[in-house]
mmCIF file of all heavy atoms, coordinates in Angstrom:
data_MODEL
# 
_entry.id   MODEL 
# 
loop_
_atom_site.group_PDB 
_atom_site.id 
_atom_site.type_symbol 
_atom_site.label_atom_id 
_atom_site.label_alt_id 
_atom_site.label_comp_id 
_atom_site.label_asym_id 
_atom_site.label_entity_id 
_atom_site.label_seq_id 
_atom_site.pdbx_PDB_ins_code 
_atom_site.Cartn_x 
_atom_site.Cartn_y 
_atom_site.Cartn_z 
_atom_site.occupancy 
_atom_site.B_iso_or_equiv 
_atom_site.pdbx_formal_charge 
_atom_site.auth_seq_id 
_atom_site.auth_comp_id 
_atom_site.auth_asym_id 
_atom_site.auth_atom_id 
_atom_site.pdbx_PDB_model_num 
ATOM 1   N N   . PHE A 1 1  ? -62.234 56.210 130.357 1.00 0.00 ? 1  PHE A N   1 
ATOM 2   C CA  . PHE A 1 1  ? -60.910 56.462 129.791 1.00 0.00 ? 1  PHE A CA  1 
ATOM 3   C C   . PHE A 1 1  ? -61.132 57.181 128.473 1.00 0.00 ? 1  PHE A C   1 
ATOM 4   O O   . PHE A 1 1  ? -61.637 56.589 127.516 1.00 0.00 ? 1  PHE A O   1 
ATOM 5   C CB  . PHE A 1 1  ? -60.170 55.142 129.599 1.00 0.00 ? 1  PHE A CB  1 
ATOM 6   C CG  . PHE A 1 1  ? -58.704 55.300 129.291 1.00 0.00 ? 1  PHE A CG  1 
ATOM 7   C CD1 . PHE A 1 1  ? -57.854 55.942 130.172 1.00 0.00 ? 1  PHE A CD1 1 
ATOM 8   C CD2 . PHE A 1 1  ? -58.175 54.784 128.122 1.00 0.00 ? 1  PHE A CD2 1 
ATOM 9   C CE1 . PHE A 1 1  ? -56.504 56.076 129.904 1.00 0.00 ? 1  PHE A CE1 1 
ATOM 10  C CE2 . PHE A 1 1  ? -56.825 54.909 127.837 1.00 0.00 ? 1  PHE A CE2 1 
ATOM 11  C CZ  . PHE A 1 1  ? -55.982 55.555 128.733 1.00 0.00 ? 1  PHE A CZ  1 
ATOM 12  N N   . MET A 1 2  ? -60.803 58.475 128.437 1.00 0.00 ? 2  MET A N   1 
ATOM 13  C CA  . MET A 1 2  ? -61.184 59.287 127.286 1.00 0.00 ? 2  MET A CA  1 
ATOM 14  C C   . MET A 1 2  ? -60.029 60.157 126.794 1.00 0.00 ? 2  MET A C   1 
ATOM 15  O O   . MET A 1 2  ? -59.161 60.547 127.569 1.00 0.00 ? 2  MET A O   1 
ATOM 16  C CB  . MET A 1 2  ? -62.361 60.213 127.645 1.00 0.00 ? 2  MET A CB  1 
ATOM 17  C CG  . MET A 1 2  ? -63.639 59.499 128.027 1.00 0.00 ? 2  MET A CG  1 
ATOM 18  S SD  . MET A 1 2  ? -65.013 60.668 128.299 1.00 0.00 ? 2  MET A SD  1 
ATOM 19  C CE  . MET A 1 2  ? -65.348 61.182 126.594 1.00 0.00 ? 2  MET A CE  1 
ATOM 20  N N   . LYS A 1 3  ? -60.073 60.450 125.516 1.00 0.00 ? 3  LYS A N   1 
ATOM 21  C CA  . LYS A 1 3  ? -59.158 61.415 124.921 1.00 0.00 ? 3  LYS A CA  1 
ATOM 22  C C   . LYS A 1 3  ? -59.547 62.804 125.376 1.00 0.00 ? 3  LYS A C   1 
ATOM 23  O O   . LYS A 1 3  ? -60.729 63.131 125.490 1.00 0.00 ? 3  LYS A O   1 
ATOM 24  C CB  . LYS A 1 3  ? -59.230 61.319 123.399 1.00 0.00 ? 3  LYS A CB  1 
ATOM 25  C CG  . LYS A 1 3  ? -58.139 62.060 122.665 1.00 0.00 ? 3  LYS A CG  1 
ATOM 26  C CD  . LYS A 1 3  ? -58.188 61.730 121.174 1.00 0.00 ? 3  LYS A CD  1 
ATOM 27  C CE  . LYS A 1 3  ? -56.962 62.283 120.459 1.00 0.00 ? 3  LYS A CE  1 
ATOM 28  N NZ  . LYS A 1 3  ? -56.949 61.903 119.028 1.00 0.00 ? 3  LYS A NZ  1 
ATOM 29  N N   . GLY A 1 4  ? -58.546 63.655 125.616 1.00 0.00 ? 4  GLY A N   1 
ATOM 30  C CA  . GLY A 1 4  ? -58.805 64.966 126.190 1.00 0.00 ? 4  GLY A CA  1 
ATOM 31  C C   . GLY A 1 4  ? -59.845 65.778 125.444 1.00 0.00 ? 4  GLY A C   1 
ATOM 32  O O   . GLY A 1 4  ? -60.804 66.286 126.045 1.00 0.00 ? 4  GLY A O   1 
ATOM 33  N N   . ASN A 1 5  ? -59.695 65.943 124.137 1.00 0.00 ? 5  ASN A N   1 
ATOM 34  C CA  . ASN A 1 5  ? -60.638 66.756 123.375 1.00 0.00 ? 5  ASN A CA  1 
ATOM 35  C C   . ASN A 1 5  ? -62.059 66.214 123.457 1.00 0.00 ? 5  ASN A C   1 
ATOM 36  O O   . ASN A 1 5  ? -63.026 66.974 123.560 1.00 0.00 ? 5  ASN A O   1 
ATOM 37  C CB  . ASN A 1 5  ? -60.206 66.834 121.907 1.00 0.00 ? 5  ASN A CB  1 
ATOM 38  C CG  . ASN A 1 5  ? -59.036 67.771 121.687 1.00 0.00 ? 5  ASN A CG  1 
ATOM 39  O OD1 . ASN A 1 5  ? -58.830 68.716 122.442 1.00 0.00 ? 5  ASN A OD1 1 
ATOM 40  N ND2 . ASN A 1 5  ? -58.265 67.512 120.636 1.00 0.00 ? 5  ASN A ND2 1 
ATOM 41  N N   . GLU A 1 6  ? -62.199 64.897 123.419 1.00 0.00 ? 6  GLU A N   1 
ATOM 42  C CA  . GLU A 1 6  ? -63.535 64.305 123.477 1.00 0.00 ? 6  GLU A CA  1 
ATOM 43  C C   . GLU A 1 6  ? -64.141 64.447 124.872 1.00 0.00 ? 6  GLU A C   1 
ATOM 44  O O   . GLU A 1 6  ? -65.342 64.688 125.017 1.00 0.00 ? 6  GLU A O   1 
ATOM 45  C CB  . GLU A 1 6  ? -63.465 62.844 123.037 1.00 0.00 ? 6  GLU A CB  1 
ATOM 46  C CG  . GLU A 1 6  ? -63.074 62.706 121.569 1.00 0.00 ? 6  GLU A CG  1 
ATOM 47  C CD  . GLU A 1 6  ? -62.970 61.265 121.113 1.00 0.00 ? 6  GLU A CD  1 
ATOM 48  O OE1 . GLU A 1 6  ? -62.963 60.352 121.982 1.00 0.00 ? 6  GLU A OE1 1 
ATOM 49  O OE2 . GLU A 1 6  ? -62.877 61.039 119.893 1.00 0.00 ? 6  GLU A OE2 1 
ATOM 50  N N   . ALA A 1 7  ? -63.311 64.309 125.898 1.00 0.00 ? 7  ALA A N   1 
ATOM 51  C CA  . ALA A 1 7  ? -63.800 64.498 127.267 1.00 0.00 ? 7  ALA A CA  1 
ATOM 52  C C   . ALA A 1 7  ? -64.257 65.942 127.484 1.00 0.00 ? 7  ALA A C   1 
ATOM 53  O O   . ALA A 1 7  ? -65.274 66.209 128.131 1.00 0.00 ? 7  ALA A O   1 
ATOM 54  C CB  . ALA A 1 7  ? -62.711 64.127 128.273 1.00 0.00 ? 7  ALA A CB  1 
ATOM 55  N N   . ILE A 1 8  ? -63.500 66.899 126.929 1.00 0.00 ? 8  ILE A N   1 
ATOM 56  C CA  . ILE A 1 8  ? -63.866 68.305 127.021 1.00 0.00 ? 8  ILE A CA  1 
ATOM 57  C C   . ILE A 1 8  ? -65.214 68.547 126.348 1.00 0.00 ? 8  ILE A C   1 
ATOM 58  O O   . ILE A 1 8  ? -66.078 69.256 126.881 1.00 0.00 ? 8  ILE A O   1 
ATOM 59  C CB  . ILE A 1 8  ? -62.769 69.171 126.369 1.00 0.00 ? 8  ILE A CB  1 
ATOM 60  C CG1 . ILE A 1 8  ? -61.501 69.156 127.218 1.00 0.00 ? 8  ILE A CG1 1 
ATOM 61  C CG2 . ILE A 1 8  ? -63.251 70.604 126.144 1.00 0.00 ? 8  ILE A CG2 1 
ATOM 62  C CD1 . ILE A 1 8  ? -60.278 69.656 126.469 1.00 0.00 ? 8  ILE A CD1 1 
ATOM 63  N N   . ALA A 1 9  ? -65.391 67.968 125.161 1.00 0.00 ? 9  ALA A N   1 
ATOM 64  C CA  . ALA A 1 9  ? -66.643 68.151 124.433 1.00 0.00 ? 9  ALA A CA  1 
ATOM 65  C C   . ALA A 1 9  ? -67.825 67.578 125.214 1.00 0.00 ? 9  ALA A C   1 
ATOM 66  O O   . ALA A 1 9  ? -68.896 68.201 125.291 1.00 0.00 ? 9  ALA A O   1 
ATOM 67  C CB  . ALA A 1 9  ? -66.540 67.492 123.062 1.00 0.00 ? 9  ALA A CB  1 
ATOM 68  N N   . GLU A 1 10 ? -67.636 66.425 125.805 1.00 0.00 ? 10 GLU A N   1 
ATOM 69  C CA  . GLU A 1 10 ? -68.720 65.826 126.590 1.00 0.00 ? 10 GLU A CA  1 
ATOM 70  C C   . GLU A 1 10 ? -69.012 66.667 127.828 1.00 0.00 ? 10 GLU A C   1 
ATOM 71  O O   . GLU A 1 10 ? -70.180 66.851 128.209 1.00 0.00 ? 10 GLU A O   1 
ATOM 72  C CB  . GLU A 1 10 ? -68.351 64.406 126.992 1.00 0.00 ? 10 GLU A CB  1 
ATOM 73  C CG  . GLU A 1 10 ? -69.395 63.680 127.833 1.00 0.00 ? 10 GLU A CG  1 
ATOM 74  C CD  . GLU A 1 10 ? -70.734 63.506 127.136 1.00 0.00 ? 10 GLU A CD  1 
ATOM 75  O OE1 . GLU A 1 10 ? -70.773 63.390 125.899 1.00 0.00 ? 10 GLU A OE1 1 
ATOM 76  O OE2 . GLU A 1 10 ? -71.770 63.486 127.852 1.00 0.00 ? 10 GLU A OE2 1 
ATOM 77  N N   . ALA A 1 11 ? -67.967 67.200 128.452 1.00 0.00 ? 11 ALA A N   1 
ATOM 78  C CA  . ALA A 1 11 ? -68.175 68.072 129.613 1.00 0.00 ? 11 ALA A CA  1 
ATOM 79  C C   . ALA A 1 11 ? -68.963 69.315 129.230 1.00 0.00 ? 11 ALA A C   1 
ATOM 80  O O   . ALA A 1 11 ? -69.797 69.804 130.000 1.00 0.00 ? 11 ALA A O   1 
ATOM 81  C CB  . ALA A 1 11 ? -66.831 68.464 130.216 1.00 0.00 ? 11 ALA A CB  1 
ATOM 82  N N   . ALA A 1 12 ? -68.705 69.839 128.036 1.00 0.00 ? 12 ALA A N   1 
ATOM 83  C CA  . ALA A 1 12 ? -69.450 71.015 127.569 1.00 0.00 ? 12 ALA A CA  1 
ATOM 84  C C   . ALA A 1 12 ? -70.932 70.701 127.443 1.00 0.00 ? 12 ALA A C   1 
ATOM 85  O O   . ALA A 1 12 ? -71.787 71.488 127.886 1.00 0.00 ? 12 ALA A O   1 
ATOM 86  C CB  . ALA A 1 12 ? -68.888 71.491 126.232 1.00 0.00 ? 12 ALA A CB  1 
ATOM 87  N N   . VAL A 1 13 ? -71.238 69.572 126.860 1.00 0.00 ? 13 VAL A N   1 
ATOM 88  C CA  . VAL A 1 13 ? -72.649 69.165 126.723 1.00 0.00 ? 13 VAL A CA  1 
ATOM 89  C C   . VAL A 1 13 ? -73.289 69.020 128.099 1.00 0.00 ? 13 VAL A C   1 
ATOM 90  O O   . VAL A 1 13 ? -74.399 69.511 128.345 1.00 0.00 ? 13 VAL A O   1 
ATOM 91  C CB  . VAL A 1 13 ? -72.748 67.848 125.925 1.00 0.00 ? 13 VAL A CB  1 
ATOM 92  C CG1 . VAL A 1 13 ? -74.178 67.301 125.956 1.00 0.00 ? 13 VAL A CG1 1 
ATOM 93  C CG2 . VAL A 1 13 ? -72.292 68.063 124.479 1.00 0.00 ? 13 VAL A CG2 1 
ATOM 94  N N   . ARG A 1 14 ? -72.585 68.372 129.011 1.00 0.00 ? 14 ARG A N   1 
ATOM 95  C CA  . ARG A 1 14 ? -73.130 68.161 130.350 1.00 0.00 ? 14 ARG A CA  1 
ATOM 96  C C   . ARG A 1 14 ? -73.227 69.469 131.135 1.00 0.00 ? 14 ARG A C   1 
ATOM 97  O O   . ARG A 1 14 ? -74.044 69.579 132.050 1.00 0.00 ? 14 ARG A O   1 
ATOM 98  C CB  . ARG A 1 14 ? -72.279 67.142 131.105 1.00 0.00 ? 14 ARG A CB  1 
ATOM 99  C CG  . ARG A 1 14 ? -72.367 65.750 130.473 1.00 0.00 ? 14 ARG A CG  1 
ATOM 100 C CD  . ARG A 1 14 ? -71.540 64.724 131.203 1.00 0.00 ? 14 ARG A CD  1 
ATOM 101 N NE  . ARG A 1 14 ? -71.656 63.427 130.554 1.00 0.00 ? 14 ARG A NE  1 
ATOM 102 C CZ  . ARG A 1 14 ? -71.887 62.269 131.189 1.00 0.00 ? 14 ARG A CZ  1 
ATOM 103 N NH1 . ARG A 1 14 ? -72.028 62.255 132.511 1.00 0.00 ? 14 ARG A NH1 1 
ATOM 104 N NH2 . ARG A 1 14 ? -71.989 61.150 130.522 1.00 0.00 ? 14 ARG A NH2 1 
ATOM 105 N N   . GLY A 1 15 ? -72.413 70.459 130.758 1.00 0.00 ? 15 GLY A N   1 
ATOM 106 C CA  . GLY A 1 15 ? -72.480 71.772 131.392 1.00 0.00 ? 15 GLY A CA  1 
ATOM 107 C C   . GLY A 1 15 ? -73.562 72.668 130.838 1.00 0.00 ? 15 GLY A C   1 
ATOM 108 O O   . GLY A 1 15 ? -73.702 73.810 131.273 1.00 0.00 ? 15 GLY A O   1 
ATOM 109 N N   . GLY A 1 16 ? -74.323 72.168 129.862 1.00 0.00 ? 16 GLY A N   1 
ATOM 110 C CA  . GLY A 1 16 ? -75.447 72.927 129.328 1.00 0.00 ? 16 GLY A CA  1 
ATOM 111 C C   . GLY A 1 16 ? -75.235 73.521 127.960 1.00 0.00 ? 16 GLY A C   1 
ATOM 112 O O   . GLY A 1 16 ? -76.125 74.210 127.437 1.00 0.00 ? 16 GLY A O   1 
ATOM 113 N N   . CYS A 1 17 ? -74.063 73.304 127.350 1.00 0.00 ? 17 CYS A N   1 
ATOM 114 C CA  . CYS A 1 17 ? -73.822 73.826 126.003 1.00 0.00 ? 17 CYS A CA  1 
ATOM 115 C C   . CYS A 1 17 ? -74.810 73.200 125.018 1.00 0.00 ? 17 CYS A C   1 
ATOM 116 O O   . CYS A 1 17 ? -74.954 71.975 124.957 1.00 0.00 ? 17 CYS A O   1 
ATOM 117 C CB  . CYS A 1 17 ? -72.396 73.514 125.570 1.00 0.00 ? 17 CYS A CB  1 
ATOM 118 S SG  . CYS A 1 17 ? -72.016 74.008 123.883 1.00 0.00 ? 17 CYS A SG  1 
ATOM 119 N N   . ARG A 1 18 ? -75.473 74.058 124.246 1.00 0.00 ? 18 ARG A N   1 
ATOM 120 C CA  . ARG A 1 18 ? -76.431 73.581 123.258 1.00 0.00 ? 18 ARG A CA  1 
ATOM 121 C C   . ARG A 1 18 ? -76.196 74.190 121.879 1.00 0.00 ? 18 ARG A C   1 
ATOM 122 O O   . ARG A 1 18 ? -77.003 74.002 120.969 1.00 0.00 ? 18 ARG A O   1 
ATOM 123 C CB  . ARG A 1 18 ? -77.873 73.863 123.717 1.00 0.00 ? 18 ARG A CB  1 
ATOM 124 C CG  . ARG A 1 18 ? -78.299 73.054 124.936 1.00 0.00 ? 18 ARG A CG  1 
ATOM 125 C CD  . ARG A 1 18 ? -78.269 71.562 124.682 1.00 0.00 ? 18 ARG A CD  1 
ATOM 126 N NE  . ARG A 1 18 ? -78.619 70.761 125.839 1.00 0.00 ? 18 ARG A NE  1 
ATOM 127 C CZ  . ARG A 1 18 ? -77.736 70.258 126.698 1.00 0.00 ? 18 ARG A CZ  1 
ATOM 128 N NH1 . ARG A 1 18 ? -76.438 70.482 126.528 1.00 0.00 ? 18 ARG A NH1 1 
ATOM 129 N NH2 . ARG A 1 18 ? -78.130 69.534 127.725 1.00 0.00 ? 18 ARG A NH2 1 
ATOM 130 N N   . PHE A 1 19 ? -75.086 74.902 121.730 1.00 0.00 ? 19 PHE A N   1 
ATOM 131 C CA  . PHE A 1 19 ? -74.730 75.416 120.407 1.00 0.00 ? 19 PHE A CA  1 
ATOM 132 C C   . PHE A 1 19 ? -73.222 75.486 120.281 1.00 0.00 ? 19 PHE A C   1 
ATOM 133 O O   . PHE A 1 19 ? -72.527 75.989 121.173 1.00 0.00 ? 19 PHE A O   1 
ATOM 134 C CB  . PHE A 1 19 ? -75.313 76.816 120.180 1.00 0.00 ? 19 PHE A CB  1 
ATOM 135 C CG  . PHE A 1 19 ? -74.993 77.377 118.812 1.00 0.00 ? 19 PHE A CG  1 
ATOM 136 C CD1 . PHE A 1 19 ? -75.772 77.041 117.716 1.00 0.00 ? 19 PHE A CD1 1 
ATOM 137 C CD2 . PHE A 1 19 ? -73.908 78.221 118.634 1.00 0.00 ? 19 PHE A CD2 1 
ATOM 138 C CE1 . PHE A 1 19 ? -75.464 77.536 116.444 1.00 0.00 ? 19 PHE A CE1 1 
ATOM 139 C CE2 . PHE A 1 19 ? -73.586 78.720 117.375 1.00 0.00 ? 19 PHE A CE2 1 
ATOM 140 C CZ  . PHE A 1 19 ? -74.379 78.374 116.278 1.00 0.00 ? 19 PHE A CZ  1 
ATOM 141 N N   . PHE A 1 20 ? -72.725 74.974 119.174 1.00 0.00 ? 20 PHE A N   1 
ATOM 142 C CA  . PHE A 1 20 ? -71.307 75.069 118.840 1.00 0.00 ? 20 PHE A CA  1 
ATOM 143 C C   . PHE A 1 20 ? -71.173 75.519 117.409 1.00 0.00 ? 20 PHE A C   1 
ATOM 144 O O   . PHE A 1 20 ? -71.866 75.017 116.515 1.00 0.00 ? 20 PHE A O   1 
ATOM 145 C CB  . PHE A 1 20 ? -70.590 73.724 119.007 1.00 0.00 ? 20 PHE A CB  1 
ATOM 146 C CG  . PHE A 1 20 ? -69.147 73.759 118.563 1.00 0.00 ? 20 PHE A CG  1 
ATOM 147 C CD1 . PHE A 1 20 ? -68.140 74.001 119.478 1.00 0.00 ? 20 PHE A CD1 1 
ATOM 148 C CD2 . PHE A 1 20 ? -68.796 73.566 117.228 1.00 0.00 ? 20 PHE A CD2 1 
ATOM 149 C CE1 . PHE A 1 20 ? -66.804 74.053 119.079 1.00 0.00 ? 20 PHE A CE1 1 
ATOM 150 C CE2 . PHE A 1 20 ? -67.469 73.620 116.814 1.00 0.00 ? 20 PHE A CE2 1 
ATOM 151 C CZ  . PHE A 1 20 ? -66.470 73.862 117.746 1.00 0.00 ? 20 PHE A CZ  1 
ATOM 152 N N   . ALA A 1 21 ? -70.278 76.462 117.162 1.00 0.00 ? 21 ALA A N   1 
ATOM 153 C CA  . ALA A 1 21 ? -69.881 76.827 115.809 1.00 0.00 ? 21 ALA A CA  1 
ATOM 154 C C   . ALA A 1 21 ? -68.369 76.925 115.765 1.00 0.00 ? 21 ALA A C   1 
ATOM 155 O O   . ALA A 1 21 ? -67.758 77.517 116.658 1.00 0.00 ? 21 ALA A O   1 
ATOM 156 C CB  . ALA A 1 21 ? -70.515 78.148 115.381 1.00 0.00 ? 21 ALA A CB  1 
ATOM 157 N N   . GLY A 1 22 ? -67.772 76.342 114.766 1.00 0.00 ? 22 GLY A N   1 
ATOM 158 C CA  . GLY A 1 22 ? -66.325 76.365 114.665 1.00 0.00 ? 22 GLY A CA  1 
ATOM 159 C C   . GLY A 1 22 ? -65.866 75.895 113.306 1.00 0.00 ? 22 GLY A C   1 
ATOM 160 O O   . GLY A 1 22 ? -66.676 75.618 112.406 1.00 0.00 ? 22 GLY A O   1 
ATOM 161 N N   . TYR A 1 23 ? -64.546 75.803 113.184 1.00 0.00 ? 23 TYR A N   1 
ATOM 162 C CA  . TYR A 1 23 ? -63.931 75.447 111.917 1.00 0.00 ? 23 TYR A CA  1 
ATOM 163 C C   . TYR A 1 23 ? -62.741 74.549 112.224 1.00 0.00 ? 23 TYR A C   1 
ATOM 164 O O   . TYR A 1 23 ? -62.028 74.790 113.202 1.00 0.00 ? 23 TYR A O   1 
ATOM 165 C CB  . TYR A 1 23 ? -63.486 76.721 111.180 1.00 0.00 ? 23 TYR A CB  1 
ATOM 166 C CG  . TYR A 1 23 ? -63.069 76.492 109.753 1.00 0.00 ? 23 TYR A CG  1 
ATOM 167 C CD1 . TYR A 1 23 ? -64.016 76.396 108.741 1.00 0.00 ? 23 TYR A CD1 1 
ATOM 168 C CD2 . TYR A 1 23 ? -61.718 76.384 109.424 1.00 0.00 ? 23 TYR A CD2 1 
ATOM 169 C CE1 . TYR A 1 23 ? -63.628 76.199 107.418 1.00 0.00 ? 23 TYR A CE1 1 
ATOM 170 C CE2 . TYR A 1 23 ? -61.322 76.183 108.111 1.00 0.00 ? 23 TYR A CE2 1 
ATOM 171 C CZ  . TYR A 1 23 ? -62.279 76.087 107.112 1.00 0.00 ? 23 TYR A CZ  1 
ATOM 172 O OH  . TYR A 1 23 ? -61.898 75.878 105.815 1.00 0.00 ? 23 TYR A OH  1 
ATOM 173 N N   . PRO A 1 24 ? -62.487 73.528 111.421 1.00 0.00 ? 24 PRO A N   1 
ATOM 174 C CA  . PRO A 1 24 ? -61.430 72.565 111.765 1.00 0.00 ? 24 PRO A CA  1 
ATOM 175 C C   . PRO A 1 24 ? -60.029 73.186 111.799 1.00 0.00 ? 24 PRO A C   1 
ATOM 176 O O   . PRO A 1 24 ? -59.683 74.006 110.958 1.00 0.00 ? 24 PRO A O   1 
ATOM 177 C CB  . PRO A 1 24 ? -61.521 71.528 110.637 1.00 0.00 ? 24 PRO A CB  1 
ATOM 178 C CG  . PRO A 1 24 ? -62.878 71.683 110.058 1.00 0.00 ? 24 PRO A CG  1 
ATOM 179 C CD  . PRO A 1 24 ? -63.226 73.122 110.208 1.00 0.00 ? 24 PRO A CD  1 
ATOM 180 N N   . ILE A 1 25 ? -59.260 72.788 112.790 1.00 0.00 ? 25 ILE A N   1 
ATOM 181 C CA  . ILE A 1 25 ? -57.833 73.095 112.856 1.00 0.00 ? 25 ILE A CA  1 
ATOM 182 C C   . ILE A 1 25 ? -57.201 72.175 113.892 1.00 0.00 ? 25 ILE A C   1 
ATOM 183 O O   . ILE A 1 25 ? -57.748 71.973 114.975 1.00 0.00 ? 25 ILE A O   1 
ATOM 184 C CB  . ILE A 1 25 ? -57.572 74.584 113.197 1.00 0.00 ? 25 ILE A CB  1 
ATOM 185 C CG1 . ILE A 1 25 ? -56.058 74.882 113.189 1.00 0.00 ? 25 ILE A CG1 1 
ATOM 186 C CG2 . ILE A 1 25 ? -58.186 74.971 114.532 1.00 0.00 ? 25 ILE A CG2 1 
ATOM 187 C CD1 . ILE A 1 25 ? -55.728 76.365 113.295 1.00 0.00 ? 25 ILE A CD1 1 
ATOM 188 N N   . THR A 1 26 ? -56.080 71.593 113.548 1.00 0.00 ? 26 THR A N   1 
ATOM 189 C CA  . THR A 1 26 ? -55.339 70.750 114.470 1.00 0.00 ? 26 THR A CA  1 
ATOM 190 C C   . THR A 1 26 ? -54.673 71.635 115.535 1.00 0.00 ? 26 THR A C   1 
ATOM 191 O O   . THR A 1 26 ? -54.227 72.731 115.213 1.00 0.00 ? 26 THR A O   1 
ATOM 192 C CB  . THR A 1 26 ? -54.255 69.982 113.691 1.00 0.00 ? 26 THR A CB  1 
ATOM 193 O OG1 . THR A 1 26 ? -54.876 69.266 112.620 1.00 0.00 ? 26 THR A OG1 1 
ATOM 194 C CG2 . THR A 1 26 ? -53.512 69.004 114.571 1.00 0.00 ? 26 THR A CG2 1 
ATOM 195 N N   . PRO A 1 27 ? -54.601 71.227 116.813 1.00 0.00 ? 27 PRO A N   1 
ATOM 196 C CA  . PRO A 1 27 ? -54.895 69.894 117.358 1.00 0.00 ? 27 PRO A CA  1 
ATOM 197 C C   . PRO A 1 27 ? -56.196 69.822 118.174 1.00 0.00 ? 27 PRO A C   1 
ATOM 198 O O   . PRO A 1 27 ? -56.242 69.116 119.176 1.00 0.00 ? 27 PRO A O   1 
ATOM 199 C CB  . PRO A 1 27 ? -53.683 69.652 118.247 1.00 0.00 ? 27 PRO A CB  1 
ATOM 200 C CG  . PRO A 1 27 ? -53.347 71.024 118.771 1.00 0.00 ? 27 PRO A CG  1 
ATOM 201 C CD  . PRO A 1 27 ? -53.736 72.003 117.700 1.00 0.00 ? 27 PRO A CD  1 
ATOM 202 N N   . GLN A 1 28 ? -57.258 70.542 117.752 1.00 0.00 ? 28 GLN A N   1 
ATOM 203 C CA  . GLN A 1 28 ? -58.507 70.525 118.508 1.00 0.00 ? 28 GLN A CA  1 
ATOM 204 C C   . GLN A 1 28 ? -59.654 69.872 117.744 1.00 0.00 ? 28 GLN A C   1 
ATOM 205 O O   . GLN A 1 28 ? -60.807 69.950 118.166 1.00 0.00 ? 28 GLN A O   1 
ATOM 206 C CB  . GLN A 1 28 ? -58.901 71.951 118.904 1.00 0.00 ? 28 GLN A CB  1 
ATOM 207 C CG  . GLN A 1 28 ? -59.169 72.906 117.749 1.00 0.00 ? 28 GLN A CG  1 
ATOM 208 C CD  . GLN A 1 28 ? -60.564 72.858 117.174 1.00 0.00 ? 28 GLN A CD  1 
ATOM 209 O OE1 . GLN A 1 28 ? -61.543 73.013 117.890 1.00 0.00 ? 28 GLN A OE1 1 
ATOM 210 N NE2 . GLN A 1 28 ? -60.641 72.642 115.871 1.00 0.00 ? 28 GLN A NE2 1 
ATOM 211 N N   . ASN A 1 29 ? -59.357 69.195 116.627 1.00 0.00 ? 29 ASN A N   1 
ATOM 212 C CA  . ASN A 1 29 ? -60.426 68.757 115.731 1.00 0.00 ? 29 ASN A CA  1 
ATOM 213 C C   . ASN A 1 29 ? -61.417 67.792 116.344 1.00 0.00 ? 29 ASN A C   1 
ATOM 214 O O   . ASN A 1 29 ? -62.574 67.723 115.921 1.00 0.00 ? 29 ASN A O   1 
ATOM 215 C CB  . ASN A 1 29 ? -59.833 68.139 114.465 1.00 0.00 ? 29 ASN A CB  1 
ATOM 216 C CG  . ASN A 1 29 ? -59.312 69.192 113.511 1.00 0.00 ? 29 ASN A CG  1 
ATOM 217 O OD1 . ASN A 1 29 ? -59.776 70.331 113.513 1.00 0.00 ? 29 ASN A OD1 1 
ATOM 218 N ND2 . ASN A 1 29 ? -58.332 68.818 112.696 1.00 0.00 ? 29 ASN A ND2 1 
# 
């Protein structure tokens, strides 16, 4: 049972993502 943004982030890691660069902004923080 997960919050959408956090589930998306975990899916990215499991999909092979190994680099993220970004800057805070609501509603994706």
